[in-house]
Amino acid sequence: MTIDAPRYVVFAGPARLAAGDLADAAAAARRRLDVQPDAAILVFDRETAEVVDLDLRGDLRAVIARHTPAPAAKRGRPKLGVVAREVTLLPRHWDWLARQPGGASTTLRRLVETARKADANVAADRNAAAYRFMFAMAGDLPGFEEAARALFAGDHGRVAALIAPWPPDIADEALRFLGGADGKQPSRR
């Protein structure tokens, strides 16, 4: 997921209401419940497809306040999207980092990026997230079982074709899970 990508998505039945940070998701859910108290609202974490439980008690202002994180101390280089956090290493690790070209921060960023790219579980994680979402939102829709089989066979083009008749918001979000952080999705036929 890119830094600017909405982290949460809100559904009311088959319709996607909103995507954004946790406060945005909570606000969208509260607004829907204000006009439709019996609405079936589901909020998903867009990285894992886990359903997120929100505390929607009270008015809109209280709900937003409850789901807005406290402002973080301004450290790092905010214009570059850099956030400073504490890293604890052994002295030999610091010594090694100090000898690397570019210093500790550059070396750590490079190591993290290399590890992320080499992570063999990325495709499996995407498939698992897509399945969790599909099961929650489309488990009783026609073609679900066949789409799930295609998903775990790694045939994302077939998944896209099988879910094309589903409600558009559900199909699009399922394909989004398969696209991962780069945003590339299998095309819908």
C-alpha atoms as a PDB file:
ATOM      1  CA  MET A   1       0.000   0.000   0.000  1.00  0.00           C
ATOM      2  CA  THR A   2       1.336   3.413  -0.858  1.00  0.00           C
ATOM      3  CA  ILE A   3       1.709   6.054   1.804  1.00  0.00           C
ATOM      4  CA  ASP A   4      -1.241   8.091   0.485  1.00  0.00           C
ATOM      5  CA  ALA A   5      -3.565   5.140  -0.144  1.00  0.00           C
ATOM      6  CA  PRO A   6      -6.686   4.992   2.020  1.00  0.00           C
ATOM      7  CA  ARG A   7      -6.105   2.431   4.756  1.00  0.00           C
ATOM      8  CA  TYR A   8      -9.754   1.513   5.427  1.00  0.00           C
ATOM      9  CA  VAL A   9     -12.812   0.961   3.266  1.00  0.00           C
ATOM     10  CA  VAL A  10     -16.448   1.050   4.383  1.00  0.00           C
ATOM     11  CA  PHE A  11     -19.265  -0.982   2.852  1.00  0.00           C
ATOM     12  CA  ALA A  12     -23.004  -0.806   3.462  1.00  0.00           C
ATOM     13  CA  GLY A  13     -24.261  -3.983   1.897  1.00  0.00           C
ATOM     14  CA  PRO A  14     -22.760  -4.217  -1.604  1.00  0.00           C
ATOM     15  CA  ALA A  15     -22.049  -0.469  -1.841  1.00  0.00           C
ATOM     16  CA  ARG A  16     -18.688   1.061  -1.012  1.00  0.00           C
ATOM     17  CA  LEU A  17     -19.413   4.145   1.077  1.00  0.00           C
ATOM     18  CA  ALA A  18     -15.951   5.560   1.618  1.00  0.00           C
ATOM     19  CA  ALA A  19     -12.258   4.862   1.867  1.00  0.00           C
ATOM     20  CA  GLY A  20      -9.827   6.733   4.064  1.00  0.00           C
ATOM     21  CA  ASP A  21      -8.200   6.771   7.446  1.00  0.00           C
ATOM     22  CA  LEU A  22      -9.937   5.346  10.502  1.00  0.00           C
ATOM     23  CA  ALA A  23     -11.703   8.627  11.332  1.00  0.00           C
ATOM     24  CA  ASP A  24     -13.011   8.878   7.739  1.00  0.00           C
ATOM     25  CA  ALA A  25     -14.269   5.299   7.893  1.00  0.00           C
ATOM     26  CA  ALA A  26     -15.966   5.835  11.243  1.00  0.00           C
ATOM     27  CA  ALA A  27     -17.574   9.065  10.037  1.00  0.00           C
ATOM     28  CA  ALA A  28     -18.960   7.401   6.902  1.00  0.00           C
ATOM     29  CA  ALA A  29     -20.345   4.515   8.937  1.00  0.00           C
ATOM     30  CA  ARG A  30     -21.925   6.864  11.513  1.00  0.00           C
ATOM     31  CA  ARG A  31     -23.513   8.998   8.769  1.00  0.00           C
ATOM     32  CA  ARG A  32     -25.052   5.935   7.151  1.00  0.00           C
ATOM     33  CA  LEU A  33     -26.373   4.656  10.472  1.00  0.00           C
ATOM     34  CA  ASP A  34     -27.899   8.085  11.152  1.00  0.00           C
ATOM     35  CA  VAL A  35     -30.091   7.773   8.038  1.00  0.00           C
ATOM     36  CA  GLN A  36     -30.418   3.971   7.988  1.00  0.00           C
ATOM     37  CA  PRO A  37     -30.115   2.590  11.542  1.00  0.00           C
ATOM     38  CA  ASP A  38     -30.375  -1.041  10.422  1.00  0.00           C
ATOM     39  CA  ALA A  39     -27.695  -0.766   7.712  1.00  0.00           C
ATOM     40  CA  ALA A  40     -25.239  -3.663   7.551  1.00  0.00           C
ATOM     41  CA  ILE A  41     -21.912  -1.820   7.780  1.00  0.00           C
ATOM     42  CA  LEU A  42     -18.560  -3.537   7.354  1.00  0.00           C
ATOM     43  CA  VAL A  43     -15.212  -1.750   7.597  1.00  0.00           C
ATOM     44  CA  PHE A  44     -12.134  -3.476   6.178  1.00  0.00           C
ATOM     45  CA  ASP A  45      -8.443  -2.883   6.688  1.00  0.00           C
ATOM     46  CA  ARG A  46      -7.207  -2.557   3.124  1.00  0.00           C
ATOM     47  CA  GLU A  47      -3.908  -4.295   3.837  1.00  0.00           C
ATOM     48  CA  THR A  48      -5.253  -7.432   5.483  1.00  0.00           C
ATOM     49  CA  ALA A  49      -8.998  -7.429   4.662  1.00  0.00           C
ATOM     50  CA  GLU A  50      -9.679  -7.937   8.358  1.00  0.00           C
ATOM     51  CA  VAL A  51     -13.015  -6.533   9.491  1.00  0.00           C
ATOM     52  CA  VAL A  52     -12.441  -3.578  11.816  1.00  0.00           C
ATOM     53  CA  ASP A  53     -14.765  -3.039  14.755  1.00  0.00           C
ATOM     54  CA  LEU A  54     -15.550   0.624  15.314  1.00  0.00           C
ATOM     55  CA  ASP A  55     -17.159   2.298  18.296  1.00  0.00           C
ATOM     56  CA  LEU A  56     -19.955   4.243  16.605  1.00  0.00           C
ATOM     57  CA  ARG A  57     -21.750   5.371  19.765  1.00  0.00           C
ATOM     58  CA  GLY A  58     -22.633   9.021  20.083  1.00  0.00           C
ATOM     59  CA  ASP A  59     -22.896  11.799  17.547  1.00  0.00           C
ATOM     60  CA  LEU A  60     -20.679  12.265  14.510  1.00  0.00           C
ATOM     61  CA  ARG A  61     -18.255  14.593  16.300  1.00  0.00           C
ATOM     62  CA  ALA A  62     -17.722  12.103  19.151  1.00  0.00           C
ATOM     63  CA  VAL A  63     -17.195   9.211  16.722  1.00  0.00           C
ATOM     64  CA  ILE A  64     -14.630  11.161  14.692  1.00  0.00           C
ATOM     65  CA  ALA A  65     -12.798  12.270  17.835  1.00  0.00           C
ATOM     66  CA  ARG A  66     -12.667   8.714  19.162  1.00  0.00           C
ATOM     67  CA  HIS A  67     -11.121   7.402  15.922  1.00  0.00           C
ATOM     68  CA  THR A  68      -8.672  10.238  15.262  1.00  0.00           C
ATOM     69  CA  PRO A  69      -5.153   9.374  16.417  1.00  0.00           C
ATOM     70  CA  ALA A  70      -3.351  11.808  18.682  1.00  0.00           C
ATOM     71  CA  PRO A  71      -0.929  13.967  16.725  1.00  0.00           C
ATOM     72  CA  ALA A  72       2.526  12.470  16.632  1.00  0.00           C
ATOM     73  CA  ALA A  73       5.525  14.458  17.649  1.00  0.00           C
ATOM     74  CA  LYS A  74       7.024  16.093  14.579  1.00  0.00           C
ATOM     75  CA  ARG A  75      10.298  14.345  13.951  1.00  0.00           C
ATOM     76  CA  GLY A  76      12.043  13.308  10.805  1.00  0.00           C
ATOM     77  CA  ARG A  77      11.449  14.976   7.446  1.00  0.00           C
ATOM     78  CA  PRO A  78       7.675  15.338   7.052  1.00  0.00           C
ATOM     79  CA  LYS A  79       7.843  16.812   3.539  1.00  0.00           C
ATOM     80  CA  LEU A  80       9.592  13.649   2.372  1.00  0.00           C
ATOM     81  CA  GLY A  81       7.235  11.360   4.278  1.00  0.00           C
ATOM     82  CA  VAL A  82      10.038  10.343   6.655  1.00  0.00           C
ATOM     83  CA  VAL A  83       9.028   9.518  10.199  1.00  0.00           C
ATOM     84  CA  ALA A  84      11.671   9.223  12.903  1.00  0.00           C
ATOM     85  CA  ARG A  85      11.241   6.320  15.305  1.00  0.00           C
ATOM     86  CA  GLU A  86      13.463   4.611  17.781  1.00  0.00           C
ATOM     87  CA  VAL A  87      15.529   1.648  16.641  1.00  0.00           C
ATOM     88  CA  THR A  88      17.343  -0.477  19.192  1.00  0.00           C
ATOM     89  CA  LEU A  89      20.406  -2.355  17.973  1.00  0.00           C
ATOM     90  CA  LEU A  90      23.438  -3.963  19.526  1.00  0.00           C
ATOM     91  CA  PRO A  91      26.720  -2.019  19.425  1.00  0.00           C
ATOM     92  CA  ARG A  92      28.128  -4.283  16.687  1.00  0.00           C
ATOM     93  CA  HIS A  93      25.102  -3.459  14.521  1.00  0.00           C
ATOM     94  CA  TRP A  94      25.616   0.288  14.978  1.00  0.00           C
ATOM     95  CA  ASP A  95      29.316  -0.130  14.163  1.00  0.00           C
ATOM     96  CA  TRP A  96      28.499  -1.964  10.951  1.00  0.00           C
ATOM     97  CA  LEU A  97      25.860   0.628   9.965  1.00  0.00           C
ATOM     98  CA  ALA A  98      28.324   3.469  10.593  1.00  0.00           C
ATOM     99  CA  ARG A  99      30.746   1.957   8.068  1.00  0.00           C
ATOM    100  CA  GLN A 100      28.131   1.762   5.287  1.00  0.00           C
ATOM    101  CA  PRO A 101      27.974   4.377   2.510  1.00  0.00           C
ATOM    102  CA  GLY A 102      25.216   6.875   3.233  1.00  0.00           C
ATOM    103  CA  GLY A 103      25.077   6.139   6.940  1.00  0.00           C
ATOM    104  CA  ALA A 104      22.673   4.219   9.131  1.00  0.00           C
ATOM    105  CA  SER A 105      19.377   5.646   7.862  1.00  0.00           C
ATOM    106  CA  THR A 106      20.157   5.092   4.193  1.00  0.00           C
ATOM    107  CA  THR A 107      21.414   1.580   4.841  1.00  0.00           C
ATOM    108  CA  LEU A 108      18.393   0.636   6.954  1.00  0.00           C
ATOM    109  CA  ARG A 109      15.976   1.974   4.323  1.00  0.00           C
ATOM    110  CA  ARG A 110      17.817   0.027   1.614  1.00  0.00           C
ATOM    111  CA  LEU A 111      17.753  -3.173   3.695  1.00  0.00           C
ATOM    112  CA  VAL A 112      14.052  -2.802   4.425  1.00  0.00           C
ATOM    113  CA  GLU A 113      13.210  -2.173   0.770  1.00  0.00           C
ATOM    114  CA  THR A 114      15.282  -5.160  -0.326  1.00  0.00           C
ATOM    115  CA  ALA A 115      13.546  -7.372   2.227  1.00  0.00           C
ATOM    116  CA  ARG A 116      10.121  -6.127   1.160  1.00  0.00           C
ATOM    117  CA  LYS A 117      10.838  -6.880  -2.501  1.00  0.00           C
ATOM    118  CA  ALA A 118      12.236 -10.301  -1.697  1.00  0.00           C
ATOM    119  CA  ASP A 119       9.355 -11.269   0.543  1.00  0.00           C
ATOM    120  CA  ALA A 120       8.103 -14.528  -0.912  1.00  0.00           C
ATOM    121  CA  ASN A 121       4.840 -14.277   0.999  1.00  0.00           C
ATOM    122  CA  VAL A 122       3.531 -11.143  -0.700  1.00  0.00           C
ATOM    123  CA  ALA A 123       1.418 -12.993  -3.275  1.00  0.00           C
ATOM    124  CA  ALA A 124       0.093 -15.383  -0.657  1.00  0.00           C
ATOM    125  CA  ASP A 125      -0.766 -12.468   1.642  1.00  0.00           C
ATOM    126  CA  ARG A 126      -2.614 -10.706  -1.176  1.00  0.00           C
ATOM    127  CA  ASN A 127      -4.526 -13.875  -2.021  1.00  0.00           C
ATOM    128  CA  ALA A 128      -5.442 -14.411   1.634  1.00  0.00           C
ATOM    129  CA  ALA A 129      -6.642 -10.815   1.974  1.00  0.00           C
ATOM    130  CA  ALA A 130      -8.649 -11.057  -1.247  1.00  0.00           C
ATOM    131  CA  TYR A 131     -10.224 -14.303  -0.043  1.00  0.00           C
ATOM    132  CA  ARG A 132     -11.137 -12.806   3.363  1.00  0.00           C
ATOM    133  CA  PHE A 133     -12.793  -9.873   1.638  1.00  0.00           C
ATOM    134  CA  MET A 134     -14.541 -12.037  -0.963  1.00  0.00           C
ATOM    135  CA  PHE A 135     -15.809 -14.445   1.694  1.00  0.00           C
ATOM    136  CA  ALA A 136     -17.192 -11.624   3.849  1.00  0.00           C
ATOM    137  CA  MET A 137     -18.801  -9.679   1.024  1.00  0.00           C
ATOM    138  CA  ALA A 138     -19.552 -12.248  -1.665  1.00  0.00           C
ATOM    139  CA  GLY A 139     -19.557 -15.670  -0.008  1.00  0.00           C
ATOM    140  CA  ASP A 140     -23.137 -16.238  -1.096  1.00  0.00           C
ATOM    141  CA  LEU A 141     -22.874 -14.720  -4.578  1.00  0.00           C
ATOM    142  CA  PRO A 142     -22.927 -16.870  -7.714  1.00  0.00           C
ATOM    143  CA  GLY A 143     -19.464 -17.941  -8.778  1.00  0.00           C
ATOM    144  CA  PHE A 144     -17.841 -17.413  -5.381  1.00  0.00           C
ATOM    145  CA  GLU A 145     -16.512 -20.958  -5.021  1.00  0.00           C
ATOM    146  CA  GLU A 146     -15.100 -21.050  -8.539  1.00  0.00           C
ATOM    147  CA  ALA A 147     -13.535 -17.597  -8.049  1.00  0.00           C
ATOM    148  CA  ALA A 148     -11.951 -18.797  -4.796  1.00  0.00           C
ATOM    149  CA  ARG A 149     -10.488 -21.828  -6.564  1.00  0.00           C
ATOM    150  CA  ALA A 150      -9.079 -19.607  -9.316  1.00  0.00           C
ATOM    151  CA  LEU A 151      -7.694 -17.246  -6.689  1.00  0.00           C
ATOM    152  CA  PHE A 152      -5.714 -19.964  -4.943  1.00  0.00           C
ATOM    153  CA  ALA A 153      -4.614 -21.405  -8.271  1.00  0.00           C
ATOM    154  CA  GLY A 154      -3.050 -18.006  -8.960  1.00  0.00           C
ATOM    155  CA  ASP A 155      -5.239 -17.346 -11.998  1.00  0.00           C
ATOM    156  CA  HIS A 156      -6.136 -13.735 -11.290  1.00  0.00           C
ATOM    157  CA  GLY A 157      -7.406 -13.152 -14.813  1.00  0.00           C
ATOM    158  CA  ARG A 158      -9.972 -15.899 -14.292  1.00  0.00           C
ATOM    159  CA  VAL A 159     -10.877 -14.434 -10.890  1.00  0.00           C
ATOM    160  CA  ALA A 160     -11.542 -11.098 -12.594  1.00  0.00           C
ATOM    161  CA  ALA A 161     -13.747 -12.766 -15.215  1.00  0.00           C
ATOM    162  CA  LEU A 162     -15.694 -14.767 -12.623  1.00  0.00           C
ATOM    163  CA  ILE A 163     -16.398 -11.827 -10.348  1.00  0.00           C
ATOM    164  CA  ALA A 164     -17.313  -9.399 -13.155  1.00  0.00           C
ATOM    165  CA  PRO A 165     -21.061 -10.039 -12.657  1.00  0.00           C
ATOM    166  CA  TRP A 166     -20.843  -9.202  -8.933  1.00  0.00           C
ATOM    167  CA  PRO A 167     -21.828  -5.764  -7.669  1.00  0.00           C
ATOM    168  CA  PRO A 168     -19.180  -3.393  -9.074  1.00  0.00           C
ATOM    169  CA  ASP A 169     -17.915  -2.075  -5.731  1.00  0.00           C
ATOM    170  CA  ILE A 170     -17.363  -5.594  -4.388  1.00  0.00           C
ATOM    171  CA  ALA A 171     -15.629  -6.797  -7.556  1.00  0.00           C
ATOM    172  CA  ASP A 172     -13.429  -3.701  -7.753  1.00  0.00           C
ATOM    173  CA  GLU A 173     -12.369  -3.972  -4.126  1.00  0.00           C
ATOM    174  CA  ALA A 174     -11.582  -7.684  -4.475  1.00  0.00           C
ATOM    175  CA  LEU A 175      -9.370  -6.889  -7.484  1.00  0.00           C
ATOM    176  CA  ARG A 176      -7.734  -4.087  -5.499  1.00  0.00           C
ATOM    177  CA  PHE A 177      -6.590  -6.608  -2.903  1.00  0.00           C
ATOM    178  CA  LEU A 178      -4.959  -8.638  -5.660  1.00  0.00           C
ATOM    179  CA  GLY A 179      -3.225  -5.570  -7.067  1.00  0.00           C
ATOM    180  CA  GLY A 180      -1.249  -4.851  -3.914  1.00  0.00           C
ATOM    181  CA  ALA A 181       0.749  -1.715  -3.225  1.00  0.00           C
ATOM    182  CA  ASP A 182       1.551  -0.975  -6.877  1.00  0.00           C
ATOM    183  CA  GLY A 183      -2.156  -0.571  -7.608  1.00  0.00           C
ATOM    184  CA  LYS A 184      -2.033  -2.804 -10.695  1.00  0.00           C
ATOM    185  CA  GLN A 185      -5.125  -4.939 -10.842  1.00  0.00           C
ATOM    186  CA  PRO A 186      -6.138  -7.799 -13.055  1.00  0.00           C
ATOM    187  CA  SER A 187      -8.466  -6.411 -15.692  1.00  0.00           C
ATOM    188  CA  ARG A 188     -12.185  -7.060 -15.450  1.00  0.00           C
ATOM    189  CA  ARG A 189     -13.630  -8.684 -18.557  1.00  0.00           C
END
